[in-house]
């Protein structure tokens, strides 16, 4: 759980927002499960990989003012 919280804090720029994201935001990629649910299932590496992929400058999503924004080109 701490690995995911650490990675989410980097993406979200705030520990409080990272905790909220982990507990409350469903991830479409994982059948709308939360990061916390995935970690409970032993899927920590999957969540870390997801966070790495969305923090990539090549990913079409980014965080703006605490909200995920999808860039459509």
C-alpha atoms as a PDB file:
ATOM      1  CA  UNK A   1       0.000   0.000   0.000  1.00  0.00           C
ATOM      2  CA  UNK A   2       2.845   2.406   0.781  1.00  0.00           C
ATOM      3  CA  UNK A   3       4.414   1.896  -2.654  1.00  0.00           C
ATOM      4  CA  UNK A   4       1.149   2.838  -4.337  1.00  0.00           C
ATOM      5  CA  UNK A   5       0.604   5.809  -2.023  1.00  0.00           C
ATOM      6  CA  UNK A   6       4.116   7.040  -2.744  1.00  0.00           C
ATOM      7  CA  UNK A   7       3.640   6.711  -6.519  1.00  0.00           C
ATOM      8  CA  UNK A   8       0.170   8.281  -6.388  1.00  0.00           C
ATOM      9  CA  UNK A   9       1.555  11.191  -4.357  1.00  0.00           C
ATOM     10  CA  UNK A  10       4.027  11.922  -7.133  1.00  0.00           C
ATOM     11  CA  UNK A  11       1.301  11.863  -9.775  1.00  0.00           C
ATOM     12  CA  UNK A  12      -1.198  13.849  -7.688  1.00  0.00           C
ATOM     13  CA  UNK A  13       1.364  16.198  -6.039  1.00  0.00           C
ATOM     14  CA  UNK A  14      -0.412  15.842  -2.676  1.00  0.00           C
ATOM     15  CA  UNK A  15      -0.643  12.980  -0.191  1.00  0.00           C
ATOM     16  CA  UNK A  16      -4.236  13.819   0.759  1.00  0.00           C
ATOM     17  CA  UNK A  17      -5.346  13.780  -2.868  1.00  0.00           C
ATOM     18  CA  UNK A  18      -3.441  10.543  -3.418  1.00  0.00           C
ATOM     19  CA  UNK A  19      -5.249   8.883  -0.497  1.00  0.00           C
ATOM     20  CA  UNK A  20      -8.601  10.126  -1.790  1.00  0.00           C
ATOM     21  CA  UNK A  21      -7.790   8.803  -5.274  1.00  0.00           C
ATOM     22  CA  UNK A  22      -6.726   5.408  -3.907  1.00  0.00           C
ATOM     23  CA  UNK A  23      -9.884   4.971  -1.843  1.00  0.00           C
ATOM     24  CA  UNK A  24     -12.553   6.574  -4.025  1.00  0.00           C
ATOM     25  CA  UNK A  25     -11.675   6.826  -7.718  1.00  0.00           C
ATOM     26  CA  UNK A  26     -12.513   3.764  -9.803  1.00  0.00           C
ATOM     27  CA  UNK A  27      -9.976   2.918 -12.502  1.00  0.00           C
ATOM     28  CA  UNK A  28     -11.671   2.039 -15.791  1.00  0.00           C
ATOM     29  CA  UNK A  29      -8.667   0.005 -16.915  1.00  0.00           C
ATOM     30  CA  UNK A  30      -9.260  -2.378 -14.000  1.00  0.00           C
ATOM     31  CA  UNK A  31     -13.034  -2.891 -14.272  1.00  0.00           C
ATOM     32  CA  UNK A  32     -13.676   0.263 -12.233  1.00  0.00           C
ATOM     33  CA  UNK A  33     -11.985  -1.021  -9.091  1.00  0.00           C
ATOM     34  CA  UNK A  34     -10.176   1.421  -6.822  1.00  0.00           C
ATOM     35  CA  UNK A  35      -6.438   1.280  -6.299  1.00  0.00           C
ATOM     36  CA  UNK A  36      -7.024   0.169  -2.708  1.00  0.00           C
ATOM     37  CA  UNK A  37      -9.192  -2.744  -3.848  1.00  0.00           C
ATOM     38  CA  UNK A  38      -6.547  -3.788  -6.360  1.00  0.00           C
ATOM     39  CA  UNK A  39      -3.799  -3.653  -3.731  1.00  0.00           C
ATOM     40  CA  UNK A  40      -5.975  -5.785  -1.436  1.00  0.00           C
ATOM     41  CA  UNK A  41      -6.121  -8.363  -4.234  1.00  0.00           C
ATOM     42  CA  UNK A  42      -2.325  -8.395  -4.461  1.00  0.00           C
ATOM     43  CA  UNK A  43      -2.189  -6.277  -7.631  1.00  0.00           C
ATOM     44  CA  UNK A  44       0.190  -3.593  -6.335  1.00  0.00           C
ATOM     45  CA  UNK A  45       2.483  -3.910  -9.357  1.00  0.00           C
ATOM     46  CA  UNK A  46      -0.468  -3.414 -11.706  1.00  0.00           C
ATOM     47  CA  UNK A  47      -1.432  -0.179  -9.949  1.00  0.00           C
ATOM     48  CA  UNK A  48       2.187   1.040  -9.980  1.00  0.00           C
ATOM     49  CA  UNK A  49       2.371   0.274 -13.705  1.00  0.00           C
ATOM     50  CA  UNK A  50      -0.864   2.174 -14.288  1.00  0.00           C
ATOM     51  CA  UNK A  51       0.432   5.210 -12.388  1.00  0.00           C
ATOM     52  CA  UNK A  52       3.679   5.100 -14.340  1.00  0.00           C
ATOM     53  CA  UNK A  53       1.777   4.955 -17.612  1.00  0.00           C
ATOM     54  CA  UNK A  54      -0.456   7.947 -16.820  1.00  0.00           C
ATOM     55  CA  UNK A  55       2.454  10.022 -15.574  1.00  0.00           C
ATOM     56  CA  UNK A  56       4.263   9.531 -18.876  1.00  0.00           C
ATOM     57  CA  UNK A  57       4.396  12.609 -21.103  1.00  0.00           C
ATOM     58  CA  UNK A  58       3.218  10.340 -23.928  1.00  0.00           C
ATOM     59  CA  UNK A  59      -0.019   9.470 -22.138  1.00  0.00           C
ATOM     60  CA  UNK A  60      -3.080  11.425 -23.308  1.00  0.00           C
ATOM     61  CA  UNK A  61      -4.195  12.138 -19.722  1.00  0.00           C
ATOM     62  CA  UNK A  62      -2.746  14.561 -17.233  1.00  0.00           C
ATOM     63  CA  UNK A  63      -3.699  16.138 -13.917  1.00  0.00           C
ATOM     64  CA  UNK A  64      -4.890  19.749 -13.908  1.00  0.00           C
ATOM     65  CA  UNK A  65      -5.942  21.356 -10.643  1.00  0.00           C
ATOM     66  CA  UNK A  66      -6.433  17.965  -9.021  1.00  0.00           C
ATOM     67  CA  UNK A  67      -8.582  16.547 -11.831  1.00  0.00           C
ATOM     68  CA  UNK A  68      -7.620  14.091 -14.529  1.00  0.00           C
ATOM     69  CA  UNK A  69      -7.918  15.661 -17.948  1.00  0.00           C
ATOM     70  CA  UNK A  70      -7.937  13.597 -21.122  1.00  0.00           C
ATOM     71  CA  UNK A  71      -6.301  15.319 -24.075  1.00  0.00           C
ATOM     72  CA  UNK A  72      -8.113  14.733 -27.355  1.00  0.00           C
ATOM     73  CA  UNK A  73      -6.105  15.435 -30.460  1.00  0.00           C
END
